[in-house]
Amino acid sequence: MKLLFDQNLSHRLVKALAMEFPGSVHVRHVGLEKARDGFVWDYAKENGFVLVSKDSDFPFLALL
């Protein structure tokens, strides 16, 4: 499982969890550090990532 860490989480999580979740990235590593939530959601979905975020509004994007 590959994780995509949102901007509100530390980019250091990628390295800290590399053994458990290889291929994971932070939004800043893929040029999405200033992207709106919808773009981050779409990127995760299109590239096989599970999105990890503290944002409470991300679950609503799944309904769209």
PDB file of N, CA and C in Angstrom:
ATOM      1  N   MET A   1       0.843  -1.172   0.000  1.00  0.00           N
ATOM      2  CA  MET A   1       0.000   0.000   0.000  1.00  0.00           C
ATOM      3  C   MET A   1       0.892   1.240   0.000  1.00  0.00           C
ATOM      4  N   LYS A   2       0.637   2.148  -0.936  1.00  0.00           N
ATOM      5  CA  LYS A   2       1.369   3.411  -1.020  1.00  0.00           C
ATOM      6  C   LYS A   2       0.536   4.511  -0.377  1.00  0.00           C
ATOM      7  N   LEU A   3       1.186   5.323   0.445  1.00  0.00           N
ATOM      8  CA  LEU A   3       0.503   6.411   1.123  1.00  0.00           C
ATOM      9  C   LEU A   3       0.897   7.745   0.505  1.00  0.00           C
ATOM     10  N   LEU A   4      -0.064   8.655   0.428  1.00  0.00           N
ATOM     11  CA  LEU A   4       0.185  10.036   0.007  1.00  0.00           C
ATOM     12  C   LEU A   4      -0.122  10.909   1.215  1.00  0.00           C
ATOM     13  N   PHE A   5       0.923  11.517   1.780  1.00  0.00           N
ATOM     14  CA  PHE A   5       0.761  12.348   2.963  1.00  0.00           C
ATOM     15  C   PHE A   5       0.421  13.772   2.559  1.00  0.00           C
ATOM     16  N   ASP A   6      -0.633  14.306   3.147  1.00  0.00           N
ATOM     17  CA  ASP A   6      -1.087  15.650   2.856  1.00  0.00           C
ATOM     18  C   ASP A   6      -0.150  16.683   3.487  1.00  0.00           C
ATOM     19  N   GLN A   7      -0.304  17.924   3.060  1.00  0.00           N
ATOM     20  CA  GLN A   7       0.554  19.021   3.500  1.00  0.00           C
ATOM     21  C   GLN A   7       0.534  19.214   5.010  1.00  0.00           C
ATOM     22  N   ASN A   8      -0.566  18.884   5.659  1.00  0.00           N
ATOM     23  CA  ASN A   8      -0.672  19.103   7.103  1.00  0.00           C
ATOM     24  C   ASN A   8       0.045  18.037   7.926  1.00  0.00           C
ATOM     25  N   LEU A   9       0.727  17.119   7.252  1.00  0.00           N
ATOM     26  CA  LEU A   9       1.527  16.095   7.927  1.00  0.00           C
ATOM     27  C   LEU A   9       2.986  16.260   7.523  1.00  0.00           C
ATOM     28  N   SER A  10       3.872  15.841   8.380  1.00  0.00           N
ATOM     29  CA  SER A  10       5.302  16.005   8.125  1.00  0.00           C
ATOM     30  C   SER A  10       5.775  15.155   6.947  1.00  0.00           C
ATOM     31  N   HIS A  11       6.612  15.753   6.120  1.00  0.00           N
ATOM     32  CA  HIS A  11       7.230  15.017   5.012  1.00  0.00           C
ATOM     33  C   HIS A  11       8.173  13.938   5.519  1.00  0.00           C
ATOM     34  N   ARG A  12       8.573  14.034   6.764  1.00  0.00           N
ATOM     35  CA  ARG A  12       9.470  13.034   7.362  1.00  0.00           C
ATOM     36  C   ARG A  12       8.806  11.673   7.557  1.00  0.00           C
ATOM     37  N   LEU A  13       7.490  11.651   7.513  1.00  0.00           N
ATOM     38  CA  LEU A  13       6.774  10.382   7.640  1.00  0.00           C
ATOM     39  C   LEU A  13       7.110   9.421   6.505  1.00  0.00           C
ATOM     40  N   VAL A  14       7.403   9.953   5.327  1.00  0.00           N
ATOM     41  CA  VAL A  14       7.734   9.108   4.178  1.00  0.00           C
ATOM     42  C   VAL A  14       8.935   8.229   4.519  1.00  0.00           C
ATOM     43  N   LYS A  15       9.989   8.851   5.013  1.00  0.00           N
ATOM     44  CA  LYS A  15      11.203   8.098   5.362  1.00  0.00           C
ATOM     45  C   LYS A  15      10.961   7.192   6.575  1.00  0.00           C
ATOM     46  N   ALA A  16      10.245   7.704   7.561  1.00  0.00           N
ATOM     47  CA  ALA A  16      10.006   6.938   8.789  1.00  0.00           C
ATOM     48  C   ALA A  16       9.190   5.672   8.528  1.00  0.00           C
ATOM     49  N   LEU A  17       8.325   5.709   7.520  1.00  0.00           N
ATOM     50  CA  LEU A  17       7.453   4.565   7.247  1.00  0.00           C
ATOM     51  C   LEU A  17       7.804   3.836   5.945  1.00  0.00           C
ATOM     52  N   ALA A  18       8.989   4.103   5.407  1.00  0.00           N
ATOM     53  CA  ALA A  18       9.391   3.532   4.115  1.00  0.00           C
ATOM     54  C   ALA A  18       9.404   2.011   4.099  1.00  0.00           C
ATOM     55  N   MET A  19       9.793   1.388   5.170  1.00  0.00           N
ATOM     56  CA  MET A  19       9.829  -0.083   5.215  1.00  0.00           C
ATOM     57  C   MET A  19       8.421  -0.671   5.190  1.00  0.00           C
ATOM     58  N   GLU A  20       7.501  -0.068   5.913  1.00  0.00           N
ATOM     59  CA  GLU A  20       6.136  -0.566   6.003  1.00  0.00           C
ATOM     60  C   GLU A  20       5.287  -0.191   4.784  1.00  0.00           C
ATOM     61  N   PHE A  21       5.568   0.985   4.198  1.00  0.00           N
ATOM     62  CA  PHE A  21       4.766   1.500   3.090  1.00  0.00           C
ATOM     63  C   PHE A  21       5.669   2.011   1.964  1.00  0.00           C
ATOM     64  N   PRO A  22       6.347   1.101   1.274  1.00  0.00           N
ATOM     65  CA  PRO A  22       7.243   1.528   0.192  1.00  0.00           C
ATOM     66  C   PRO A  22       6.466   2.215  -0.930  1.00  0.00           C
ATOM     67  N   GLY A  23       7.102   3.204  -1.542  1.00  0.00           N
ATOM     68  CA  GLY A  23       6.468   3.928  -2.628  1.00  0.00           C
ATOM     69  C   GLY A  23       5.623   5.096  -2.177  1.00  0.00           C
ATOM     70  N   SER A  24       5.563   5.333  -0.883  1.00  0.00           N
ATOM     71  CA  SER A  24       4.781   6.445  -0.351  1.00  0.00           C
ATOM     72  C   SER A  24       5.487   7.767  -0.625  1.00  0.00           C
ATOM     73  N   VAL A  25       4.699   8.842  -0.700  1.00  0.00           N
ATOM     74  CA  VAL A  25       5.243  10.169  -0.961  1.00  0.00           C
ATOM     75  C   VAL A  25       4.466  11.219  -0.165  1.00  0.00           C
ATOM     76  N   HIS A  26       5.051  12.386  -0.108  1.00  0.00           N
ATOM     77  CA  HIS A  26       4.404  13.554   0.490  1.00  0.00           C
ATOM     78  C   HIS A  26       3.965  14.452  -0.657  1.00  0.00           C
ATOM     79  N   VAL A  27       2.908  15.212  -0.484  1.00  0.00           N
ATOM     80  CA  VAL A  27       2.417  16.068  -1.562  1.00  0.00           C
ATOM     81  C   VAL A  27       3.496  17.014  -2.085  1.00  0.00           C
ATOM     82  N   ARG A  28       4.396  17.434  -1.237  1.00  0.00           N
ATOM     83  CA  ARG A  28       5.449  18.356  -1.698  1.00  0.00           C
ATOM     84  C   ARG A  28       6.431  17.668  -2.631  1.00  0.00           C
ATOM     85  N   HIS A  29       6.531  16.346  -2.562  1.00  0.00           N
ATOM     86  CA  HIS A  29       7.439  15.604  -3.444  1.00  0.00           C
ATOM     87  C   HIS A  29       6.875  15.442  -4.847  1.00  0.00           C
ATOM     88  N   VAL A  30       5.590  15.682  -5.010  1.00  0.00           N
ATOM     89  CA  VAL A  30       4.958  15.522  -6.325  1.00  0.00           C
ATOM     90  C   VAL A  30       4.335  16.842  -6.813  1.00  0.00           C
ATOM     91  N   GLY A  31       4.760  17.957  -6.218  1.00  0.00           N
ATOM     92  CA  GLY A  31       4.323  19.272  -6.667  1.00  0.00           C
ATOM     93  C   GLY A  31       2.908  19.656  -6.301  1.00  0.00           C
ATOM     94  N   LEU A  32       2.356  19.030  -5.271  1.00  0.00           N
ATOM     95  CA  LEU A  32       0.979  19.330  -4.878  1.00  0.00           C
ATOM     96  C   LEU A  32       0.879  20.040  -3.530  1.00  0.00           C
ATOM     97  N   GLU A  33       1.973  20.629  -3.070  1.00  0.00           N
ATOM     98  CA  GLU A  33       1.954  21.234  -1.736  1.00  0.00           C
ATOM     99  C   GLU A  33       0.976  22.392  -1.605  1.00  0.00           C
ATOM    100  N   LYS A  34       0.630  23.040  -2.711  1.00  0.00           N
ATOM    101  CA  LYS A  34      -0.319  24.154  -2.646  1.00  0.00           C
ATOM    102  C   LYS A  34      -1.612  23.846  -3.398  1.00  0.00           C
ATOM    103  N   ALA A  35      -1.792  22.597  -3.764  1.00  0.00           N
ATOM    104  CA  ALA A  35      -2.971  22.203  -4.533  1.00  0.00           C
ATOM    105  C   ALA A  35      -4.210  22.136  -3.643  1.00  0.00           C
ATOM    106  N   ARG A  36      -5.351  22.390  -4.267  1.00  0.00           N
ATOM    107  CA  ARG A  36      -6.616  22.258  -3.539  1.00  0.00           C
ATOM    108  C   ARG A  36      -6.894  20.792  -3.265  1.00  0.00           C
ATOM    109  N   ASP A  37      -7.724  20.552  -2.269  1.00  0.00           N
ATOM    110  CA  ASP A  37      -8.011  19.187  -1.825  1.00  0.00           C
ATOM    111  C   ASP A  37      -8.481  18.283  -2.962  1.00  0.00           C
ATOM    112  N   GLY A  38      -9.307  18.797  -3.846  1.00  0.00           N
ATOM    113  CA  GLY A  38      -9.812  17.983  -4.950  1.00  0.00           C
ATOM    114  C   GLY A  38      -8.711  17.460  -5.848  1.00  0.00           C
ATOM    115  N   PHE A  39      -7.703  18.284  -6.107  1.00  0.00           N
ATOM    116  CA  PHE A  39      -6.580  17.852  -6.939  1.00  0.00           C
ATOM    117  C   PHE A  39      -5.757  16.786  -6.232  1.00  0.00           C
ATOM    118  N   VAL A  40      -5.551  16.965  -4.934  1.00  0.00           N
ATOM    119  CA  VAL A  40      -4.797  15.974  -4.153  1.00  0.00           C
ATOM    120  C   VAL A  40      -5.565  14.653  -4.142  1.00  0.00           C
ATOM    121  N   TRP A  41      -6.855  14.717  -3.918  1.00  0.00           N
ATOM    122  CA  TRP A  41      -7.705  13.525  -3.920  1.00  0.00           C
ATOM    123  C   TRP A  41      -7.614  12.797  -5.265  1.00  0.00           C
ATOM    124  N   ASP A  42      -7.750  13.538  -6.356  1.00  0.00           N
ATOM    125  CA  ASP A  42      -7.696  12.938  -7.683  1.00  0.00           C
ATOM    126  C   ASP A  42      -6.333  12.306  -7.957  1.00  0.00           C
ATOM    127  N   TYR A  43      -5.274  12.983  -7.562  1.00  0.00           N
ATOM    128  CA  TYR A  43      -3.928  12.437  -7.760  1.00  0.00           C
ATOM    129  C   TYR A  43      -3.778  11.110  -7.023  1.00  0.00           C
ATOM    130  N   ALA A  44      -4.224  11.074  -5.784  1.00  0.00           N
ATOM    131  CA  ALA A  44      -4.143   9.842  -4.997  1.00  0.00           C
ATOM    132  C   ALA A  44      -4.923   8.722  -5.674  1.00  0.00           C
ATOM    133  N   LYS A  45      -6.119   9.015  -6.099  1.00  0.00           N
ATOM    134  CA  LYS A  45      -6.975   8.011  -6.718  1.00  0.00           C
ATOM    135  C   LYS A  45      -6.388   7.507  -8.038  1.00  0.00           C
ATOM    136  N   GLU A  46      -5.899   8.410  -8.864  1.00  0.00           N
ATOM    137  CA  GLU A  46      -5.374   8.052 -10.177  1.00  0.00           C
ATOM    138  C   GLU A  46      -4.036   7.323 -10.121  1.00  0.00           C
ATOM    139  N   ASN A  47      -3.323   7.462  -9.003  1.00  0.00           N
ATOM    140  CA  ASN A  47      -1.989   6.878  -8.897  1.00  0.00           C
ATOM    141  C   ASN A  47      -1.881   5.778  -7.845  1.00  0.00           C
ATOM    142  N   GLY A  48      -3.001   5.311  -7.357  1.00  0.00           N
ATOM    143  CA  GLY A  48      -3.014   4.173  -6.447  1.00  0.00           C
ATOM    144  C   GLY A  48      -2.521   4.445  -5.041  1.00  0.00           C
ATOM    145  N   PHE A  49      -2.715   5.675  -4.572  1.00  0.00           N
ATOM    146  CA  PHE A  49      -2.311   6.031  -3.216  1.00  0.00           C
ATOM    147  C   PHE A  49      -3.503   6.015  -2.273  1.00  0.00           C
ATOM    148  N   VAL A  50      -3.221   5.751  -1.011  1.00  0.00           N
ATOM    149  CA  VAL A  50      -4.176   5.971   0.067  1.00  0.00           C
ATOM    150  C   VAL A  50      -3.803   7.316   0.661  1.00  0.00           C
ATOM    151  N   LEU A  51      -4.751   8.213   0.719  1.00  0.00           N
ATOM    152  CA  LEU A  51      -4.498   9.566   1.197  1.00  0.00           C
ATOM    153  C   LEU A  51      -4.520   9.603   2.717  1.00  0.00           C
ATOM    154  N   VAL A  52      -3.479  10.228   3.287  1.00  0.00           N
ATOM    155  CA  VAL A  52      -3.383  10.377   4.739  1.00  0.00           C
ATOM    156  C   VAL A  52      -3.384  11.870   5.031  1.00  0.00           C
ATOM    157  N   SER A  53      -4.376  12.330   5.805  1.00  0.00           N
ATOM    158  CA  SER A  53      -4.538  13.753   6.055  1.00  0.00           C
ATOM    159  C   SER A  53      -5.191  13.986   7.408  1.00  0.00           C
ATOM    160  N   LYS A  54      -4.991  15.181   7.927  1.00  0.00           N
ATOM    161  CA  LYS A  54      -5.707  15.621   9.126  1.00  0.00           C
ATOM    162  C   LYS A  54      -6.947  16.423   8.760  1.00  0.00           C
ATOM    163  N   ASP A  55      -7.109  16.735   7.478  1.00  0.00           N
ATOM    164  CA  ASP A  55      -8.270  17.512   7.036  1.00  0.00           C
ATOM    165  C   ASP A  55      -9.555  16.730   7.268  1.00  0.00           C
ATOM    166  N   SER A  56     -10.501  17.379   7.883  1.00  0.00           N
ATOM    167  CA  SER A  56     -11.771  16.710   8.157  1.00  0.00           C
ATOM    168  C   SER A  56     -12.693  16.694   6.944  1.00  0.00           C
ATOM    169  N   ASP A  57     -12.376  17.495   5.916  1.00  0.00           N
ATOM    170  CA  ASP A  57     -13.266  17.545   4.755  1.00  0.00           C
ATOM    171  C   ASP A  57     -12.943  16.538   3.665  1.00  0.00           C
ATOM    172  N   PHE A  58     -11.843  15.822   3.739  1.00  0.00           N
ATOM    173  CA  PHE A  58     -11.520  14.838   2.710  1.00  0.00           C
ATOM    174  C   PHE A  58     -12.551  13.728   2.565  1.00  0.00           C
ATOM    175  N   PRO A  59     -13.150  13.234   3.637  1.00  0.00           N
ATOM    176  CA  PRO A  59     -14.162  12.175   3.437  1.00  0.00           C
ATOM    177  C   PRO A  59     -15.322  12.605   2.543  1.00  0.00           C
ATOM    178  N   PHE A  60     -15.628  13.878   2.516  1.00  0.00           N
ATOM    179  CA  PHE A  60     -16.728  14.356   1.666  1.00  0.00           C
ATOM    180  C   PHE A  60     -16.378  14.282   0.189  1.00  0.00           C
ATOM    181  N   LEU A  61     -15.107  14.354  -0.148  1.00  0.00           N
ATOM    182  CA  LEU A  61     -14.698  14.232  -1.543  1.00  0.00           C
ATOM    183  C   LEU A  61     -14.968  12.834  -2.081  1.00  0.00           C
ATOM    184  N   ALA A  62     -14.954  11.849  -1.216  1.00  0.00           N
ATOM    185  CA  ALA A  62     -15.221  10.469  -1.645  1.00  0.00           C
ATOM    186  C   ALA A  62     -16.658  10.309  -2.109  1.00  0.00           C
ATOM    187  N   LEU A  63     -17.522  11.176  -1.668  1.00  0.00           N
ATOM    188  CA  LEU A  63     -18.926  11.084  -2.022  1.00  0.00           C
ATOM    189  C   LEU A  63     -19.236  11.711  -3.375  1.00  0.00           C
ATOM    190  N   LEU A  64     -18.300  12.493  -3.897  1.00  0.00           N
ATOM    191  CA  LEU A  64     -18.541  13.185  -5.170  1.00  0.00           C
ATOM    192  C   LEU A  64     -18.298  12.286  -6.354  1.00  0.00           C
TER     193      LEU A  64
END
